[in-house]
C-alpha atoms as a PDB file:
ATOM      1  CA  PHE A   1     -34.378 -31.134 -31.740  1.00  0.00           C
ATOM      2  CA  ARG A   2     -32.353 -31.274 -28.540  1.00  0.00           C
ATOM      3  CA  SER A   3     -29.061 -31.214 -30.450  1.00  0.00           C
ATOM      4  CA  LEU A   4     -30.289 -28.449 -32.740  1.00  0.00           C
ATOM      5  CA  ILE A   5     -31.262 -26.301 -29.750  1.00  0.00           C
ATOM      6  CA  ARG A   6     -27.847 -26.915 -28.152  1.00  0.00           C
ATOM      7  CA  ILE A   7     -26.094 -25.901 -31.380  1.00  0.00           C
ATOM      8  CA  HIS A   8     -28.185 -22.716 -31.521  1.00  0.00           C
ATOM      9  CA  ALA A   9     -27.270 -21.995 -27.889  1.00  0.00           C
ATOM     10  CA  TYR A  10     -23.576 -22.246 -28.732  1.00  0.00           C
ATOM     11  CA  ASN A  11     -24.008 -20.134 -31.859  1.00  0.00           C
ATOM     12  CA  ALA A  12     -25.974 -17.442 -30.020  1.00  0.00           C
ATOM     13  CA  TRP A  13     -22.914 -16.652 -27.905  1.00  0.00           C
ATOM     14  CA  HIS A  14     -20.944 -16.202 -31.147  1.00  0.00           C
ATOM     15  CA  ASP A  15     -23.566 -13.839 -32.606  1.00  0.00           C
ATOM     16  CA  ARG A  16     -24.719 -16.333 -35.241  1.00  0.00           C
ATOM     17  CA  VAL A  17     -28.393 -16.632 -34.239  1.00  0.00           C
ATOM     18  CA  THR A  18     -31.235 -14.143 -34.441  1.00  0.00           C
ATOM     19  CA  LEU A  19     -34.141 -13.672 -32.079  1.00  0.00           C
ATOM     20  CA  ASP A  20     -36.533 -14.736 -34.835  1.00  0.00           C
ATOM     21  CA  GLU A  21     -34.570 -17.964 -35.306  1.00  0.00           C
ATOM     22  CA  MET A  22     -34.888 -18.711 -31.590  1.00  0.00           C
ATOM     23  CA  TRP A  23     -38.661 -18.226 -31.611  1.00  0.00           C
ATOM     24  CA  ASP A  24     -39.006 -20.154 -34.886  1.00  0.00           C
ATOM     25  CA  LEU A  25     -37.097 -23.063 -33.339  1.00  0.00           C
ATOM     26  CA  TYR A  26     -39.347 -22.931 -30.268  1.00  0.00           C
ATOM     27  CA  ALA A  27     -42.457 -22.977 -32.485  1.00  0.00           C
ATOM     28  CA  GLU A  28     -41.090 -25.830 -34.586  1.00  0.00           C
ATOM     29  CA  VAL A  29     -40.520 -28.012 -31.524  1.00  0.00           C
ATOM     30  CA  ARG A  30     -43.928 -27.117 -30.064  1.00  0.00           C
ATOM     31  CA  GLU A  31     -45.665 -28.060 -33.324  1.00  0.00           C
ATOM     32  CA  SER A  32     -43.759 -31.307 -33.796  1.00  0.00           C
ATOM     33  CA  GLU A  33     -45.552 -34.570 -33.116  1.00  0.00           C
ATOM     34  CA  HIS A  34     -42.216 -36.253 -32.411  1.00  0.00           C
ATOM     35  CA  ALA A  35     -40.789 -33.907 -29.798  1.00  0.00           C
ATOM     36  CA  GLN A  36     -41.806 -32.357 -26.528  1.00  0.00           C
ATOM     37  CA  LEU A  37     -40.080 -29.540 -24.717  1.00  0.00           C
ATOM     38  CA  ASP A  38     -38.670 -30.522 -21.354  1.00  0.00           C
ATOM     39  CA  VAL A  39     -36.807 -28.496 -18.726  1.00  0.00           C
ATOM     40  CA  ASP A  40     -33.433 -29.173 -20.365  1.00  0.00           C
ATOM     41  CA  MET A  41     -34.688 -27.869 -23.705  1.00  0.00           C
ATOM     42  CA  TYR A  42     -36.042 -24.735 -22.030  1.00  0.00           C
ATOM     43  CA  ASN A  43     -32.665 -24.315 -20.340  1.00  0.00           C
ATOM     44  CA  TYR A  44     -30.960 -24.322 -23.742  1.00  0.00           C
ATOM     45  CA  LEU A  45     -33.559 -21.914 -25.145  1.00  0.00           C
ATOM     46  CA  LEU A  46     -32.746 -19.587 -22.245  1.00  0.00           C
ATOM     47  CA  GLU A  47     -29.086 -20.026 -23.106  1.00  0.00           C
ATOM     48  CA  ILE A  48     -29.894 -18.871 -26.643  1.00  0.00           C
ATOM     49  CA  ALA A  49     -31.712 -15.845 -25.197  1.00  0.00           C
ATOM     50  CA  ALA A  50     -28.743 -15.105 -22.927  1.00  0.00           C
ATOM     51  CA  GLY A  51     -26.346 -15.219 -25.874  1.00  0.00           C
ATOM     52  CA  LEU A  52     -28.641 -12.911 -27.810  1.00  0.00           C
ATOM     53  CA  CYS A  53     -28.801 -10.517 -24.851  1.00  0.00           C
ATOM     54  CA  TYR A  54     -25.019 -10.551 -24.621  1.00  0.00           C
ATOM     55  CA  HIS A  55     -24.972  -9.226 -28.189  1.00  0.00           C
ATOM     56  CA  ASN A  56     -27.875  -6.827 -27.526  1.00  0.00           C
ATOM     57  CA  ARG A  57     -30.279  -8.811 -29.741  1.00  0.00           C
ATOM     58  CA  ALA A  58     -32.944  -9.810 -27.200  1.00  0.00           C
ATOM     59  CA  SER A  59     -34.736  -8.292 -24.248  1.00  0.00           C
ATOM     60  CA  LEU A  60     -35.555  -9.188 -20.687  1.00  0.00           C
ATOM     61  CA  ALA A  61     -39.102  -9.882 -21.854  1.00  0.00           C
ATOM     62  CA  ASP A  62     -37.801 -12.666 -24.123  1.00  0.00           C
ATOM     63  CA  GLY A  63     -36.049 -14.418 -21.237  1.00  0.00           C
ATOM     64  CA  GLN A  64     -39.017 -13.962 -18.928  1.00  0.00           C
ATOM     65  CA  ARG A  65     -41.368 -15.268 -21.608  1.00  0.00           C
ATOM     66  CA  LEU A  66     -39.339 -18.479 -21.998  1.00  0.00           C
ATOM     67  CA  PHE A  67     -39.290 -18.935 -18.236  1.00  0.00           C
ATOM     68  CA  GLU A  68     -43.066 -18.436 -18.054  1.00  0.00           C
ATOM     69  CA  LEU A  69     -43.668 -20.822 -20.957  1.00  0.00           C
ATOM     70  CA  CYS A  70     -41.658 -23.450 -19.096  1.00  0.00           C
ATOM     71  CA  GLU A  71     -43.881 -22.983 -16.044  1.00  0.00           C
ATOM     72  CA  GLN A  72     -47.058 -23.010 -18.162  1.00  0.00           C
ATOM     73  CA  GLU A  73     -46.024 -26.410 -19.504  1.00  0.00           C
ATOM     74  CA  GLY A  74     -46.252 -27.605 -15.911  1.00  0.00           C
ATOM     75  CA  LEU A  75     -42.490 -28.004 -15.730  1.00  0.00           C
ATOM     76  CA  LEU A  76     -40.668 -27.099 -12.560  1.00  0.00           C
ATOM     77  CA  PRO A  77     -37.801 -24.750 -13.436  1.00  0.00           C
ATOM     78  CA  SER A  78     -34.490 -26.128 -12.228  1.00  0.00           C
ATOM     79  CA  VAL A  79     -31.456 -24.341 -10.843  1.00  0.00           C
ATOM     80  CA  VAL A  80     -30.098 -24.332 -14.405  1.00  0.00           C
ATOM     81  CA  THR A  81     -33.279 -22.602 -15.621  1.00  0.00           C
ATOM     82  CA  TRP A  82     -32.794 -19.870 -13.025  1.00  0.00           C
ATOM     83  CA  ALA A  83     -29.145 -19.615 -14.033  1.00  0.00           C
ATOM     84  CA  GLY A  84     -30.248 -19.130 -17.643  1.00  0.00           C
ATOM     85  CA  LEU A  85     -32.466 -16.253 -16.582  1.00  0.00           C
ATOM     86  CA  ILE A  86     -29.549 -14.778 -14.621  1.00  0.00           C
ATOM     87  CA  ASP A  87     -27.424 -15.040 -17.795  1.00  0.00           C
ATOM     88  CA  VAL A  88     -30.115 -13.078 -19.649  1.00  0.00           C
ATOM     89  CA  VAL A  89     -29.956 -10.321 -17.017  1.00  0.00           C
ATOM     90  CA  VAL A  90     -26.147 -10.274 -17.109  1.00  0.00           C
ATOM     91  CA  GLY A  91     -26.133 -10.013 -20.909  1.00  0.00           C
ATOM     92  CA  LEU A  92     -28.533  -7.093 -20.734  1.00  0.00           C
ATOM     93  CA  ALA A  93     -26.588  -5.418 -17.940  1.00  0.00           C
ATOM     94  CA  ARG A  94     -23.566  -5.430 -20.232  1.00  0.00           C
ATOM     95  CA  HIS A  95     -25.493  -3.005 -22.445  1.00  0.00           C
ATOM     96  CA  ARG A  96     -27.190  -1.184 -19.557  1.00  0.00           C
ATOM     97  CA  LYS A  97     -30.558  -2.524 -20.733  1.00  0.00           C
ATOM     98  CA  VAL A  98     -31.696  -3.754 -17.327  1.00  0.00           C
ATOM     99  CA  THR A  99     -31.926  -1.981 -14.017  1.00  0.00           C
ATOM    100  CA  GLY A 100     -31.207  -3.262 -10.556  1.00  0.00           C
ATOM    101  CA  GLU A 101     -34.872  -2.750  -9.795  1.00  0.00           C
ATOM    102  CA  GLN A 102     -35.912  -5.011 -12.679  1.00  0.00           C
ATOM    103  CA  ALA A 103     -33.478  -7.693 -11.551  1.00  0.00           C
ATOM    104  CA  ARG A 104     -34.798  -7.464  -7.996  1.00  0.00           C
ATOM    105  CA  ASP A 105     -38.361  -7.870  -9.265  1.00  0.00           C
ATOM    106  CA  ILE A 106     -37.414 -11.017 -11.149  1.00  0.00           C
ATOM    107  CA  PHE A 107     -35.454 -12.696  -8.419  1.00  0.00           C
ATOM    108  CA  GLY A 108     -37.485 -11.290  -5.542  1.00  0.00           C
END
């Protein structure tokens, strides 16, 4: 699954992934008996969300939800995880879909 998530992350930046595909991939990994999401996998899922945001296909709520799911798993978000969330905000800012106030609330 790790390689598949990385491929989707690359493809998201080239507008070849949908939001539904990202969430379906997340669900597939969660339901698998042979895989477990770790921080690196969440980082790549956030990269998919960032690519989708860059193409105006995802929302801030999608990025925040992935970040929260990572924390709910008991995983400590890394610097890369935070960078993924920043990429989500930047992608949305490109389309004026996020305000400075929302960004401030996220990054405190």
